[in-house]
Amino acid sequence: MHSGHVTYLEKAKSQVDYLILGLNSDSSIKTIKGKNRPIIGEADRARVLCALESIDAVIIFKESTPIKLIKVIKPDVLIKGNDYTPKSVVGANEIKKWKGKLYLVPLVEGKSSSKIISKMK
């Protein structure tokens, strides 16, 4: 968790009344980012996220994408970083079906977990 995440989540919260964060499980992250990730386990990540004012709920999902969670929750607003395009956001098609909104949050320049990890090596 770094300041870029906090800024991103504050911007996300400004778009909604109630912010539910879908959090990748440890096994999901290993599948996506490799055997050396995550650095911090899902329980600890969820605990830190739950302490933030901007987040109202955290739900851990085990799949490689949150599509099942999105279909169950049916959010009014789906939020993702602007390093994605509307076409590449998982759940973008579904949110259109129920007349929801897709919001791409600007990322904070120079802040990334990968950069922090590379400094530690």
PDB file of N, CA and C in Angstrom:
ATOM      1  N   MET A   1       0.849  -1.177   0.000  1.00  0.00           N
ATOM      2  CA  MET A   1       0.000   0.000   0.000  1.00  0.00           C
ATOM      3  C   MET A   1       0.890   1.233   0.000  1.00  0.00           C
ATOM      4  N   HIS A   2       0.664   2.121  -0.944  1.00  0.00           N
ATOM      5  CA  HIS A   2       1.453   3.351  -1.012  1.00  0.00           C
ATOM      6  C   HIS A   2       0.522   4.539  -1.238  1.00  0.00           C
ATOM      7  N   SER A   3       1.089   5.730  -1.247  1.00  0.00           N
ATOM      8  CA  SER A   3       0.275   6.943  -1.351  1.00  0.00           C
ATOM      9  C   SER A   3      -0.528   7.002  -2.652  1.00  0.00           C
ATOM     10  N   GLY A   4      -0.013   6.388  -3.706  1.00  0.00           N
ATOM     11  CA  GLY A   4      -0.768   6.337  -4.957  1.00  0.00           C
ATOM     12  C   GLY A   4      -2.075   5.578  -4.785  1.00  0.00           C
ATOM     13  N   HIS A   5      -2.027   4.469  -4.045  1.00  0.00           N
ATOM     14  CA  HIS A   5      -3.248   3.710  -3.766  1.00  0.00           C
ATOM     15  C   HIS A   5      -4.251   4.556  -2.988  1.00  0.00           C
ATOM     16  N   VAL A   6      -3.765   5.248  -1.954  1.00  0.00           N
ATOM     17  CA  VAL A   6      -4.650   6.053  -1.110  1.00  0.00           C
ATOM     18  C   VAL A   6      -5.318   7.154  -1.934  1.00  0.00           C
ATOM     19  N   THR A   7      -4.548   7.833  -2.768  1.00  0.00           N
ATOM     20  CA  THR A   7      -5.092   8.894  -3.624  1.00  0.00           C
ATOM     21  C   THR A   7      -6.125   8.324  -4.594  1.00  0.00           C
ATOM     22  N   TYR A   8      -5.806   7.202  -5.199  1.00  0.00           N
ATOM     23  CA  TYR A   8      -6.711   6.514  -6.122  1.00  0.00           C
ATOM     24  C   TYR A   8      -8.035   6.179  -5.428  1.00  0.00           C
ATOM     25  N   LEU A   9      -7.949   5.640  -4.217  1.00  0.00           N
ATOM     26  CA  LEU A   9      -9.151   5.241  -3.492  1.00  0.00           C
ATOM     27  C   LEU A   9      -9.976   6.442  -3.044  1.00  0.00           C
ATOM     28  N   GLU A  10      -9.330   7.528  -2.697  1.00  0.00           N
ATOM     29  CA  GLU A  10     -10.059   8.757  -2.353  1.00  0.00           C
ATOM     30  C   GLU A  10     -10.819   9.285  -3.567  1.00  0.00           C
ATOM     31  N   LYS A  11     -10.188   9.246  -4.733  1.00  0.00           N
ATOM     32  CA  LYS A  11     -10.862   9.680  -5.960  1.00  0.00           C
ATOM     33  C   LYS A  11     -12.019   8.750  -6.300  1.00  0.00           C
ATOM     34  N   ALA A  12     -11.822   7.458  -6.088  1.00  0.00           N
ATOM     35  CA  ALA A  12     -12.895   6.488  -6.328  1.00  0.00           C
ATOM     36  C   ALA A  12     -14.087   6.776  -5.419  1.00  0.00           C
ATOM     37  N   LYS A  13     -13.818   7.013  -4.153  1.00  0.00           N
ATOM     38  CA  LYS A  13     -14.890   7.281  -3.178  1.00  0.00           C
ATOM     39  C   LYS A  13     -15.661   8.544  -3.542  1.00  0.00           C
ATOM     40  N   SER A  14     -15.009   9.516  -4.143  1.00  0.00           N
ATOM     41  CA  SER A  14     -15.689  10.756  -4.510  1.00  0.00           C
ATOM     42  C   SER A  14     -16.763  10.530  -5.584  1.00  0.00           C
ATOM     43  N   GLN A  15     -16.750   9.374  -6.217  1.00  0.00           N
ATOM     44  CA  GLN A  15     -17.707   9.053  -7.275  1.00  0.00           C
ATOM     45  C   GLN A  15     -18.922   8.271  -6.794  1.00  0.00           C
ATOM     46  N   VAL A  16     -18.881   7.805  -5.539  1.00  0.00           N
ATOM     47  CA  VAL A  16     -19.940   6.915  -5.043  1.00  0.00           C
ATOM     48  C   VAL A  16     -20.314   7.250  -3.600  1.00  0.00           C
ATOM     49  N   ASP A  17     -21.456   6.734  -3.177  1.00  0.00           N
ATOM     50  CA  ASP A  17     -21.875   6.883  -1.780  1.00  0.00           C
ATOM     51  C   ASP A  17     -21.249   5.794  -0.909  1.00  0.00           C
ATOM     52  N   TYR A  18     -21.086   4.611  -1.487  1.00  0.00           N
ATOM     53  CA  TYR A  18     -20.611   3.444  -0.741  1.00  0.00           C
ATOM     54  C   TYR A  18     -19.589   2.730  -1.615  1.00  0.00           C
ATOM     55  N   LEU A  19     -18.345   2.646  -1.145  1.00  0.00           N
ATOM     56  CA  LEU A  19     -17.281   2.049  -1.949  1.00  0.00           C
ATOM     57  C   LEU A  19     -16.963   0.637  -1.458  1.00  0.00           C
ATOM     58  N   ILE A  20     -17.213  -0.328  -2.335  1.00  0.00           N
ATOM     59  CA  ILE A  20     -16.866  -1.723  -2.076  1.00  0.00           C
ATOM     60  C   ILE A  20     -15.636  -2.028  -2.910  1.00  0.00           C
ATOM     61  N   LEU A  21     -14.596  -2.517  -2.260  1.00  0.00           N
ATOM     62  CA  LEU A  21     -13.363  -2.833  -2.966  1.00  0.00           C
ATOM     63  C   LEU A  21     -13.256  -4.349  -3.132  1.00  0.00           C
ATOM     64  N   GLY A  22     -13.129  -4.791  -4.371  1.00  0.00           N
ATOM     65  CA  GLY A  22     -12.861  -6.197  -4.658  1.00  0.00           C
ATOM     66  C   GLY A  22     -11.361  -6.417  -4.592  1.00  0.00           C
ATOM     67  N   LEU A  23     -10.926  -7.271  -3.677  1.00  0.00           N
ATOM     68  CA  LEU A  23      -9.501  -7.501  -3.431  1.00  0.00           C
ATOM     69  C   LEU A  23      -9.095  -8.887  -3.916  1.00  0.00           C
ATOM     70  N   ASN A  24      -8.068  -8.933  -4.774  1.00  0.00           N
ATOM     71  CA  ASN A  24      -7.555 -10.230  -5.232  1.00  0.00           C
ATOM     72  C   ASN A  24      -7.033 -11.037  -4.053  1.00  0.00           C
ATOM     73  N   SER A  25      -7.371 -12.317  -4.032  1.00  0.00           N
ATOM     74  CA  SER A  25      -6.820 -13.224  -3.026  1.00  0.00           C
ATOM     75  C   SER A  25      -5.339 -13.450  -3.320  1.00  0.00           C
ATOM     76  N   ASP A  26      -4.646 -14.033  -2.363  1.00  0.00           N
ATOM     77  CA  ASP A  26      -3.235 -14.355  -2.571  1.00  0.00           C
ATOM     78  C   ASP A  26      -3.056 -15.281  -3.773  1.00  0.00           C
ATOM     79  N   SER A  27      -3.907 -16.302  -3.870  1.00  0.00           N
ATOM     80  CA  SER A  27      -3.768 -17.257  -4.983  1.00  0.00           C
ATOM     81  C   SER A  27      -4.040 -16.579  -6.320  1.00  0.00           C
ATOM     82  N   SER A  28      -4.974 -15.661  -6.350  1.00  0.00           N
ATOM     83  CA  SER A  28      -5.272 -14.920  -7.575  1.00  0.00           C
ATOM     84  C   SER A  28      -4.071 -14.078  -8.006  1.00  0.00           C
ATOM     85  N   ILE A  29      -3.443 -13.399  -7.059  1.00  0.00           N
ATOM     86  CA  ILE A  29      -2.275 -12.563  -7.379  1.00  0.00           C
ATOM     87  C   ILE A  29      -1.108 -13.420  -7.857  1.00  0.00           C
ATOM     88  N   LYS A  30      -0.893 -14.571  -7.223  1.00  0.00           N
ATOM     89  CA  LYS A  30       0.184 -15.465  -7.664  1.00  0.00           C
ATOM     90  C   LYS A  30      -0.020 -15.865  -9.123  1.00  0.00           C
ATOM     91  N   THR A  31      -1.251 -16.168  -9.486  1.00  0.00           N
ATOM     92  CA  THR A  31      -1.566 -16.546 -10.861  1.00  0.00           C
ATOM     93  C   THR A  31      -1.273 -15.396 -11.826  1.00  0.00           C
ATOM     94  N   ILE A  32      -1.618 -14.182 -11.421  1.00  0.00           N
ATOM     95  CA  ILE A  32      -1.473 -13.019 -12.297  1.00  0.00           C
ATOM     96  C   ILE A  32      -0.039 -12.485 -12.324  1.00  0.00           C
ATOM     97  N   LYS A  33       0.595 -12.381 -11.140  1.00  0.00           N
ATOM     98  CA  LYS A  33       1.881 -11.674 -11.045  1.00  0.00           C
ATOM     99  C   LYS A  33       3.083 -12.561 -10.739  1.00  0.00           C
ATOM    100  N   GLY A  34       2.863 -13.841 -10.487  1.00  0.00           N
ATOM    101  CA  GLY A  34       3.988 -14.741 -10.276  1.00  0.00           C
ATOM    102  C   GLY A  34       4.144 -15.198  -8.838  1.00  0.00           C
ATOM    103  N   LYS A  35       5.024 -16.192  -8.664  1.00  0.00           N
ATOM    104  CA  LYS A  35       5.154 -16.885  -7.378  1.00  0.00           C
ATOM    105  C   LYS A  35       5.681 -16.005  -6.241  1.00  0.00           C
ATOM    106  N   ASN A  36       6.346 -14.913  -6.541  1.00  0.00           N
ATOM    107  CA  ASN A  36       6.890 -14.052  -5.492  1.00  0.00           C
ATOM    108  C   ASN A  36       5.909 -12.981  -5.022  1.00  0.00           C
ATOM    109  N   ARG A  37       4.718 -13.003  -5.506  1.00  0.00           N
ATOM    110  CA  ARG A  37       3.706 -12.031  -5.114  1.00  0.00           C
ATOM    111  C   ARG A  37       2.529 -12.775  -4.511  1.00  0.00           C
ATOM    112  N   PRO A  38       1.761 -12.219  -3.667  1.00  0.00           N
ATOM    113  CA  PRO A  38       1.893 -10.866  -3.145  1.00  0.00           C
ATOM    114  C   PRO A  38       2.971 -10.777  -2.065  1.00  0.00           C
ATOM    115  N   ILE A  39       3.415  -9.596  -1.817  1.00  0.00           N
ATOM    116  CA  ILE A  39       4.398  -9.359  -0.760  1.00  0.00           C
ATOM    117  C   ILE A  39       3.706  -9.431   0.602  1.00  0.00           C
ATOM    118  N   ILE A  40       2.499  -8.914   0.664  1.00  0.00           N
ATOM    119  CA  ILE A  40       1.708  -8.892   1.897  1.00  0.00           C
ATOM    120  C   ILE A  40       0.459  -9.737   1.666  1.00  0.00           C
ATOM    121  N   GLY A  41       0.131 -10.589   2.624  1.00  0.00           N
ATOM    122  CA  GLY A  41      -0.999 -11.506   2.491  1.00  0.00           C
ATOM    123  C   GLY A  41      -2.351 -10.820   2.474  1.00  0.00           C
ATOM    124  N   GLU A  42      -3.347 -11.551   1.973  1.00  0.00           N
ATOM    125  CA  GLU A  42      -4.682 -10.981   1.785  1.00  0.00           C
ATOM    126  C   GLU A  42      -5.333 -10.495   3.077  1.00  0.00           C
ATOM    127  N   ALA A  43      -5.152 -11.208   4.167  1.00  0.00           N
ATOM    128  CA  ALA A  43      -5.760 -10.775   5.431  1.00  0.00           C
ATOM    129  C   ALA A  43      -5.178  -9.443   5.888  1.00  0.00           C
ATOM    130  N   ASP A  44      -3.867  -9.296   5.780  1.00  0.00           N
ATOM    131  CA  ASP A  44      -3.224  -8.038   6.173  1.00  0.00           C
ATOM    132  C   ASP A  44      -3.593  -6.907   5.212  1.00  0.00           C
ATOM    133  N   ARG A  45      -3.648  -7.205   3.914  1.00  0.00           N
ATOM    134  CA  ARG A  45      -4.046  -6.185   2.942  1.00  0.00           C
ATOM    135  C   ARG A  45      -5.481  -5.728   3.199  1.00  0.00           C
ATOM    136  N   ALA A  46      -6.356  -6.684   3.457  1.00  0.00           N
ATOM    137  CA  ALA A  46      -7.758  -6.349   3.728  1.00  0.00           C
ATOM    138  C   ALA A  46      -7.881  -5.519   5.008  1.00  0.00           C
ATOM    139  N   ARG A  47      -7.119  -5.852   6.026  1.00  0.00           N
ATOM    140  CA  ARG A  47      -7.158  -5.118   7.296  1.00  0.00           C
ATOM    141  C   ARG A  47      -6.761  -3.662   7.096  1.00  0.00           C
ATOM    142  N   VAL A  48      -5.685  -3.431   6.360  1.00  0.00           N
ATOM    143  CA  VAL A  48      -5.225  -2.061   6.097  1.00  0.00           C
ATOM    144  C   VAL A  48      -6.283  -1.309   5.288  1.00  0.00           C
ATOM    145  N   LEU A  49      -6.821  -1.933   4.269  1.00  0.00           N
ATOM    146  CA  LEU A  49      -7.823  -1.283   3.430  1.00  0.00           C
ATOM    147  C   LEU A  49      -9.086  -0.941   4.211  1.00  0.00           C
ATOM    148  N   CYS A  50      -9.495  -1.828   5.105  1.00  0.00           N
ATOM    149  CA  CYS A  50     -10.689  -1.573   5.919  1.00  0.00           C
ATOM    150  C   CYS A  50     -10.505  -0.376   6.855  1.00  0.00           C
ATOM    151  N   ALA A  51      -9.275  -0.042   7.162  1.00  0.00           N
ATOM    152  CA  ALA A  51      -9.001   1.088   8.054  1.00  0.00           C
ATOM    153  C   ALA A  51      -9.093   2.440   7.339  1.00  0.00           C
ATOM    154  N   LEU A  52      -9.128   2.431   6.021  1.00  0.00           N
ATOM    155  CA  LEU A  52      -9.186   3.683   5.264  1.00  0.00           C
ATOM    156  C   LEU A  52     -10.606   4.253   5.261  1.00  0.00           C
ATOM    157  N   GLU A  53     -10.712   5.548   5.470  1.00  0.00           N
ATOM    158  CA  GLU A  53     -12.014   6.224   5.458  1.00  0.00           C
ATOM    159  C   GLU A  53     -12.742   6.072   4.135  1.00  0.00           C
ATOM    160  N   SER A  54     -12.008   6.004   3.058  1.00  0.00           N
ATOM    161  CA  SER A  54     -12.624   5.977   1.734  1.00  0.00           C
ATOM    162  C   SER A  54     -13.287   4.640   1.398  1.00  0.00           C
ATOM    163  N   ILE A  55     -12.957   3.590   2.121  1.00  0.00           N
ATOM    164  CA  ILE A  55     -13.485   2.259   1.798  1.00  0.00           C
ATOM    165  C   ILE A  55     -14.544   1.844   2.811  1.00  0.00           C
ATOM    166  N   ASP A  56     -15.703   1.426   2.289  1.00  0.00           N
ATOM    167  CA  ASP A  56     -16.800   0.996   3.149  1.00  0.00           C
ATOM    168  C   ASP A  56     -16.832  -0.517   3.354  1.00  0.00           C
ATOM    169  N   ALA A  57     -16.330  -1.272   2.389  1.00  0.00           N
ATOM    170  CA  ALA A  57     -16.311  -2.730   2.505  1.00  0.00           C
ATOM    171  C   ALA A  57     -15.235  -3.297   1.587  1.00  0.00           C
ATOM    172  N   VAL A  58     -14.670  -4.432   2.006  1.00  0.00           N
ATOM    173  CA  VAL A  58     -13.676  -5.141   1.208  1.00  0.00           C
ATOM    174  C   VAL A  58     -14.163  -6.575   1.040  1.00  0.00           C
ATOM    175  N   ILE A  59     -14.157  -7.045  -0.199  1.00  0.00           N
ATOM    176  CA  ILE A  59     -14.531  -8.435  -0.486  1.00  0.00           C
ATOM    177  C   ILE A  59     -13.373  -9.076  -1.235  1.00  0.00           C
ATOM    178  N   ILE A  60     -12.846 -10.161  -0.684  1.00  0.00           N
ATOM    179  CA  ILE A  60     -11.747 -10.893  -1.320  1.00  0.00           C
ATOM    180  C   ILE A  60     -12.334 -11.882  -2.324  1.00  0.00           C
ATOM    181  N   PHE A  61     -11.780 -11.867  -3.544  1.00  0.00           N
ATOM    182  CA  PHE A  61     -12.225 -12.836  -4.548  1.00  0.00           C
ATOM    183  C   PHE A  61     -11.042 -13.696  -4.984  1.00  0.00           C
ATOM    184  N   LYS A  62     -11.316 -14.969  -5.265  1.00  0.00           N
ATOM    185  CA  LYS A  62     -10.259 -15.935  -5.573  1.00  0.00           C
ATOM    186  C   LYS A  62      -9.997 -16.103  -7.075  1.00  0.00           C
ATOM    187  N   GLU A  63     -10.935 -15.688  -7.894  1.00  0.00           N
ATOM    188  CA  GLU A  63     -10.795 -15.849  -9.339  1.00  0.00           C
ATOM    189  C   GLU A  63      -9.753 -14.871  -9.887  1.00  0.00           C
ATOM    190  N   SER A  64      -9.338 -15.084 -11.132  1.00  0.00           N
ATOM    191  CA  SER A  64      -8.338 -14.183 -11.727  1.00  0.00           C
ATOM    192  C   SER A  64      -8.927 -12.825 -12.087  1.00  0.00           C
ATOM    193  N   THR A  65     -10.256 -12.749 -12.221  1.00  0.00           N
ATOM    194  CA  THR A  65     -10.922 -11.462 -12.447  1.00  0.00           C
ATOM    195  C   THR A  65     -12.107 -11.351 -11.484  1.00  0.00           C
ATOM    196  N   PRO A  66     -12.588 -10.133 -11.260  1.00  0.00           N
ATOM    197  CA  PRO A  66     -13.722  -9.954 -10.348  1.00  0.00           C
ATOM    198  C   PRO A  66     -15.094 -10.066 -11.024  1.00  0.00           C
ATOM    199  N   ILE A  67     -15.180 -10.679 -12.184  1.00  0.00           N
ATOM    200  CA  ILE A  67     -16.439 -10.686 -12.930  1.00  0.00           C
ATOM    201  C   ILE A  67     -17.592 -11.317 -12.141  1.00  0.00           C
ATOM    202  N   LYS A  68     -17.339 -12.404 -11.426  1.00  0.00           N
ATOM    203  CA  LYS A  68     -18.416 -13.032 -10.636  1.00  0.00           C
ATOM    204  C   LYS A  68     -18.911 -12.066  -9.564  1.00  0.00           C
ATOM    205  N   LEU A  69     -17.982 -11.412  -8.894  1.00  0.00           N
ATOM    206  CA  LEU A  69     -18.324 -10.442  -7.848  1.00  0.00           C
ATOM    207  C   LEU A  69     -19.127  -9.278  -8.435  1.00  0.00           C
ATOM    208  N   ILE A  70     -18.704  -8.766  -9.569  1.00  0.00           N
ATOM    209  CA  ILE A  70     -19.402  -7.658 -10.226  1.00  0.00           C
ATOM    210  C   ILE A  70     -20.832  -8.057 -10.572  1.00  0.00           C
ATOM    211  N   LYS A  71     -21.003  -9.263 -11.084  1.00  0.00           N
ATOM    212  CA  LYS A  71     -22.346  -9.733 -11.453  1.00  0.00           C
ATOM    213  C   LYS A  71     -23.247  -9.905 -10.236  1.00  0.00           C
ATOM    214  N   VAL A  72     -22.686 -10.260  -9.110  1.00  0.00           N
ATOM    215  CA  VAL A  72     -23.475 -10.422  -7.883  1.00  0.00           C
ATOM    216  C   VAL A  72     -23.841  -9.059  -7.294  1.00  0.00           C
ATOM    217  N   ILE A  73     -22.877  -8.169  -7.204  1.00  0.00           N
ATOM    218  CA  ILE A  73     -23.100  -6.859  -6.574  1.00  0.00           C
ATOM    219  C   ILE A  73     -23.902  -5.922  -7.478  1.00  0.00           C
ATOM    220  N   LYS A  74     -23.656  -5.996  -8.778  1.00  0.00           N
ATOM    221  CA  LYS A  74     -24.280  -5.091  -9.757  1.00  0.00           C
ATOM    222  C   LYS A  74     -24.117  -3.629  -9.331  1.00  0.00           C
ATOM    223  N   PRO A  75     -22.878  -3.155  -9.309  1.00  0.00           N
ATOM    224  CA  PRO A  75     -22.650  -1.777  -8.866  1.00  0.00           C
ATOM    225  C   PRO A  75     -23.229  -0.748  -9.831  1.00  0.00           C
ATOM    226  N   ASP A  76     -23.568   0.419  -9.298  1.00  0.00           N
ATOM    227  CA  ASP A  76     -24.014   1.533 -10.133  1.00  0.00           C
ATOM    228  C   ASP A  76     -22.824   2.147 -10.863  1.00  0.00           C
ATOM    229  N   VAL A  77     -21.666   2.083 -10.208  1.00  0.00           N
ATOM    230  CA  VAL A  77     -20.435   2.630 -10.774  1.00  0.00           C
ATOM    231  C   VAL A  77     -19.344   1.569 -10.639  1.00  0.00           C
ATOM    232  N   LEU A  78     -18.633   1.329 -11.723  1.00  0.00           N
ATOM    233  CA  LEU A  78     -17.487   0.422 -11.724  1.00  0.00           C
ATOM    234  C   LEU A  78     -16.252   1.289 -11.914  1.00  0.00           C
ATOM    235  N   ILE A  79     -15.280   1.142 -11.016  1.00  0.00           N
ATOM    236  CA  ILE A  79     -14.120   2.029 -11.022  1.00  0.00           C
ATOM    237  C   ILE A  79     -12.844   1.218 -11.229  1.00  0.00           C
ATOM    238  N   LYS A  80     -11.993   1.741 -12.093  1.00  0.00           N
ATOM    239  CA  LYS A  80     -10.705   1.113 -12.389  1.00  0.00           C
ATOM    240  C   LYS A  80      -9.702   2.225 -12.689  1.00  0.00           C
ATOM    241  N   GLY A  81      -8.424   1.920 -12.616  1.00  0.00           N
ATOM    242  CA  GLY A  81      -7.392   2.908 -12.931  1.00  0.00           C
ATOM    243  C   GLY A  81      -7.364   3.233 -14.412  1.00  0.00           C
ATOM    244  N   ASN A  82      -6.898   4.445 -14.729  1.00  0.00           N
ATOM    245  CA  ASN A  82      -6.882   4.845 -16.139  1.00  0.00           C
ATOM    246  C   ASN A  82      -5.708   4.256 -16.923  1.00  0.00           C
ATOM    247  N   ASP A  83      -5.017   3.289 -16.309  1.00  0.00           N
ATOM    248  CA  ASP A  83      -4.059   2.509 -17.080  1.00  0.00           C
ATOM    249  C   ASP A  83      -4.804   1.453 -17.907  1.00  0.00           C
ATOM    250  N   TYR A  84      -6.107   1.368 -17.708  1.00  0.00           N
ATOM    251  CA  TYR A  84      -6.990   0.503 -18.495  1.00  0.00           C
ATOM    252  C   TYR A  84      -7.769   1.370 -19.472  1.00  0.00           C
ATOM    253  N   THR A  85      -8.292   0.748 -20.516  1.00  0.00           N
ATOM    254  CA  THR A  85      -9.207   1.417 -21.424  1.00  0.00           C
ATOM    255  C   THR A  85     -10.609   0.896 -21.110  1.00  0.00           C
ATOM    256  N   PRO A  86     -11.638   1.628 -21.479  1.00  0.00           N
ATOM    257  CA  PRO A  86     -12.992   1.129 -21.219  1.00  0.00           C
ATOM    258  C   PRO A  86     -13.232  -0.282 -21.772  1.00  0.00           C
ATOM    259  N   LYS A  87     -12.656  -0.579 -22.919  1.00  0.00           N
ATOM    260  CA  LYS A  87     -12.846  -1.910 -23.514  1.00  0.00           C
ATOM    261  C   LYS A  87     -12.117  -3.012 -22.754  1.00  0.00           C
ATOM    262  N   SER A  88     -11.049  -2.667 -22.029  1.00  0.00           N
ATOM    263  CA  SER A  88     -10.272  -3.699 -21.339  1.00  0.00           C
ATOM    264  C   SER A  88     -10.693  -3.922 -19.884  1.00  0.00           C
ATOM    265  N   VAL A  89     -11.646  -3.147 -19.399  1.00  0.00           N
ATOM    266  CA  VAL A  89     -12.085  -3.292 -18.004  1.00  0.00           C
ATOM    267  C   VAL A  89     -13.049  -4.464 -17.879  1.00  0.00           C
ATOM    268  N   VAL A  90     -12.687  -5.418 -17.030  1.00  0.00           N
ATOM    269  CA  VAL A  90     -13.566  -6.554 -16.756  1.00  0.00           C
ATOM    270  C   VAL A  90     -14.838  -6.023 -16.107  1.00  0.00           C
ATOM    271  N   GLY A  91     -15.975  -6.379 -16.658  1.00  0.00           N
ATOM    272  CA  GLY A  91     -17.263  -5.933 -16.122  1.00  0.00           C
ATOM    273  C   GLY A  91     -17.840  -4.720 -16.836  1.00  0.00           C
ATOM    274  N   ALA A  92     -17.081  -4.117 -17.740  1.00  0.00           N
ATOM    275  CA  ALA A  92     -17.571  -2.928 -18.449  1.00  0.00           C
ATOM    276  C   ALA A  92     -18.831  -3.238 -19.257  1.00  0.00           C
ATOM    277  N   ASN A  93     -18.855  -4.374 -19.923  1.00  0.00           N
ATOM    278  CA  ASN A  93     -20.039  -4.747 -20.701  1.00  0.00           C
ATOM    279  C   ASN A  93     -21.243  -4.985 -19.797  1.00  0.00           C
ATOM    280  N   GLU A  94     -20.998  -5.618 -18.658  1.00  0.00           N
ATOM    281  CA  GLU A  94     -22.092  -5.922 -17.734  1.00  0.00           C
ATOM    282  C   GLU A  94     -22.691  -4.648 -17.143  1.00  0.00           C
ATOM    283  N   ILE A  95     -21.831  -3.716 -16.784  1.00  0.00           N
ATOM    284  CA  ILE A  95     -22.335  -2.484 -16.165  1.00  0.00           C
ATOM    285  C   ILE A  95     -23.194  -1.681 -17.145  1.00  0.00           C
ATOM    286  N   LYS A  96     -22.856  -1.754 -18.427  1.00  0.00           N
ATOM    287  CA  LYS A  96     -23.677  -1.095 -19.452  1.00  0.00           C
ATOM    288  C   LYS A  96     -25.080  -1.698 -19.480  1.00  0.00           C
ATOM    289  N   LYS A  97     -25.159  -3.023 -19.296  1.00  0.00           N
ATOM    290  CA  LYS A  97     -26.452  -3.720 -19.346  1.00  0.00           C
ATOM    291  C   LYS A  97     -27.427  -3.184 -18.307  1.00  0.00           C
ATOM    292  N   TRP A  98     -26.911  -2.842 -17.120  1.00  0.00           N
ATOM    293  CA  TRP A  98     -27.829  -2.321 -16.095  1.00  0.00           C
ATOM    294  C   TRP A  98     -27.709  -0.808 -15.930  1.00  0.00           C
ATOM    295  N   LYS A  99     -27.246  -0.158 -16.995  1.00  0.00           N
ATOM    296  CA  LYS A  99     -27.194   1.314 -17.081  1.00  0.00           C
ATOM    297  C   LYS A  99     -26.299   1.952 -16.020  1.00  0.00           C
ATOM    298  N   GLY A 100     -25.238   1.245 -15.652  1.00  0.00           N
ATOM    299  CA  GLY A 100     -24.268   1.790 -14.708  1.00  0.00           C
ATOM    300  C   GLY A 100     -23.224   2.628 -15.418  1.00  0.00           C
ATOM    301  N   LYS A 101     -22.299   3.141 -14.638  1.00  0.00           N
ATOM    302  CA  LYS A 101     -21.273   4.040 -15.165  1.00  0.00           C
ATOM    303  C   LYS A 101     -19.887   3.440 -14.919  1.00  0.00           C
ATOM    304  N   LEU A 102     -19.010   3.577 -15.887  1.00  0.00           N
ATOM    305  CA  LEU A 102     -17.615   3.184 -15.738  1.00  0.00           C
ATOM    306  C   LEU A 102     -16.803   4.449 -15.501  1.00  0.00           C
ATOM    307  N   TYR A 103     -15.998   4.451 -14.442  1.00  0.00           N
ATOM    308  CA  TYR A 103     -15.158   5.604 -14.128  1.00  0.00           C
ATOM    309  C   TYR A 103     -13.710   5.145 -14.052  1.00  0.00           C
ATOM    310  N   LEU A 104     -12.839   5.780 -14.841  1.00  0.00           N
ATOM    311  CA  LEU A 104     -11.415   5.468 -14.828  1.00  0.00           C
ATOM    312  C   LEU A 104     -10.693   6.541 -14.021  1.00  0.00           C
ATOM    313  N   VAL A 105     -10.114   6.123 -12.905  1.00  0.00           N
ATOM    314  CA  VAL A 105      -9.429   7.037 -11.989  1.00  0.00           C
ATOM    315  C   VAL A 105      -8.008   7.294 -12.486  1.00  0.00           C
ATOM    316  N   PRO A 106      -7.607   8.571 -12.542  1.00  0.00           N
ATOM    317  CA  PRO A 106      -6.217   8.864 -12.918  1.00  0.00           C
ATOM    318  C   PRO A 106      -5.245   8.299 -11.874  1.00  0.00           C
ATOM    319  N   LEU A 107      -4.206   7.637 -12.348  1.00  0.00           N
ATOM    320  CA  LEU A 107      -3.185   7.104 -11.441  1.00  0.00           C
ATOM    321  C   LEU A 107      -2.212   8.214 -11.063  1.00  0.00           C
ATOM    322  N   VAL A 108      -1.540   8.033  -9.945  1.00  0.00           N
ATOM    323  CA  VAL A 108      -0.559   9.006  -9.478  1.00  0.00           C
ATOM    324  C   VAL A 108       0.780   8.693 -10.134  1.00  0.00           C
ATOM    325  N   GLU A 109       1.320   9.660 -10.840  1.00  0.00           N
ATOM    326  CA  GLU A 109       2.598   9.483 -11.536  1.00  0.00           C
ATOM    327  C   GLU A 109       3.706   9.044 -10.584  1.00  0.00           C
ATOM    328  N   GLY A 110       4.488   8.076 -11.012  1.00  0.00           N
ATOM    329  CA  GLY A 110       5.670   7.660 -10.276  1.00  0.00           C
ATOM    330  C   GLY A 110       5.426   6.773  -9.071  1.00  0.00           C
ATOM    331  N   LYS A 111       4.183   6.402  -8.824  1.00  0.00           N
ATOM    332  CA  LYS A 111       3.865   5.552  -7.675  1.00  0.00           C
ATOM    333  C   LYS A 111       3.424   4.189  -8.173  1.00  0.00           C
ATOM    334  N   SER A 112       4.148   3.155  -7.782  1.00  0.00           N
ATOM    335  CA  SER A 112       3.727   1.803  -8.141  1.00  0.00           C
ATOM    336  C   SER A 112       4.388   0.795  -7.216  1.00  0.00           C
ATOM    337  N   SER A 113       3.671  -0.277  -6.966  1.00  0.00           N
ATOM    338  CA  SER A 113       4.216  -1.363  -6.135  1.00  0.00           C
ATOM    339  C   SER A 113       5.446  -1.976  -6.797  1.00  0.00           C
ATOM    340  N   SER A 114       5.411  -2.097  -8.109  1.00  0.00           N
ATOM    341  CA  SER A 114       6.551  -2.688  -8.822  1.00  0.00           C
ATOM    342  C   SER A 114       7.823  -1.864  -8.616  1.00  0.00           C
ATOM    343  N   LYS A 115       7.701  -0.534  -8.620  1.00  0.00           N
ATOM    344  CA  LYS A 115       8.863   0.322  -8.382  1.00  0.00           C
ATOM    345  C   LYS A 115       9.395   0.155  -6.960  1.00  0.00           C
ATOM    346  N   ILE A 116       8.495   0.044  -6.006  1.00  0.00           N
ATOM    347  CA  ILE A 116       8.914  -0.156  -4.606  1.00  0.00           C
ATOM    348  C   ILE A 116       9.647  -1.488  -4.474  1.00  0.00           C
ATOM    349  N   ILE A 117       9.090  -2.535  -5.075  1.00  0.00           N
ATOM    350  CA  ILE A 117       9.703  -3.865  -5.008  1.00  0.00           C
ATOM    351  C   ILE A 117      11.088  -3.851  -5.670  1.00  0.00           C
ATOM    352  N   SER A 118      11.232  -3.171  -6.796  1.00  0.00           N
ATOM    353  CA  SER A 118      12.524  -3.151  -7.477  1.00  0.00           C
ATOM    354  C   SER A 118      13.578  -2.422  -6.640  1.00  0.00           C
ATOM    355  N   LYS A 119      13.185  -1.445  -5.860  1.00  0.00           N
ATOM    356  CA  LYS A 119      14.125  -0.753  -4.970  1.00  0.00           C
ATOM    357  C   LYS A 119      14.605  -1.650  -3.839  1.00  0.00           C
ATOM    358  N   MET A 120      13.783  -2.614  -3.454  1.00  0.00           N
ATOM    359  CA  MET A 120      14.129  -3.513  -2.356  1.00  0.00           C
ATOM    360  C   MET A 120      15.138  -4.572  -2.778  1.00  0.00           C
ATOM    361  N   LYS A 121      15.274  -4.805  -4.070  1.00  0.00           N
ATOM    362  CA  LYS A 121      16.157  -5.875  -4.563  1.00  0.00           C
ATOM    363  C   LYS A 121      17.604  -5.460  -4.544  1.00  0.00           C
TER     364      LYS A 121
END
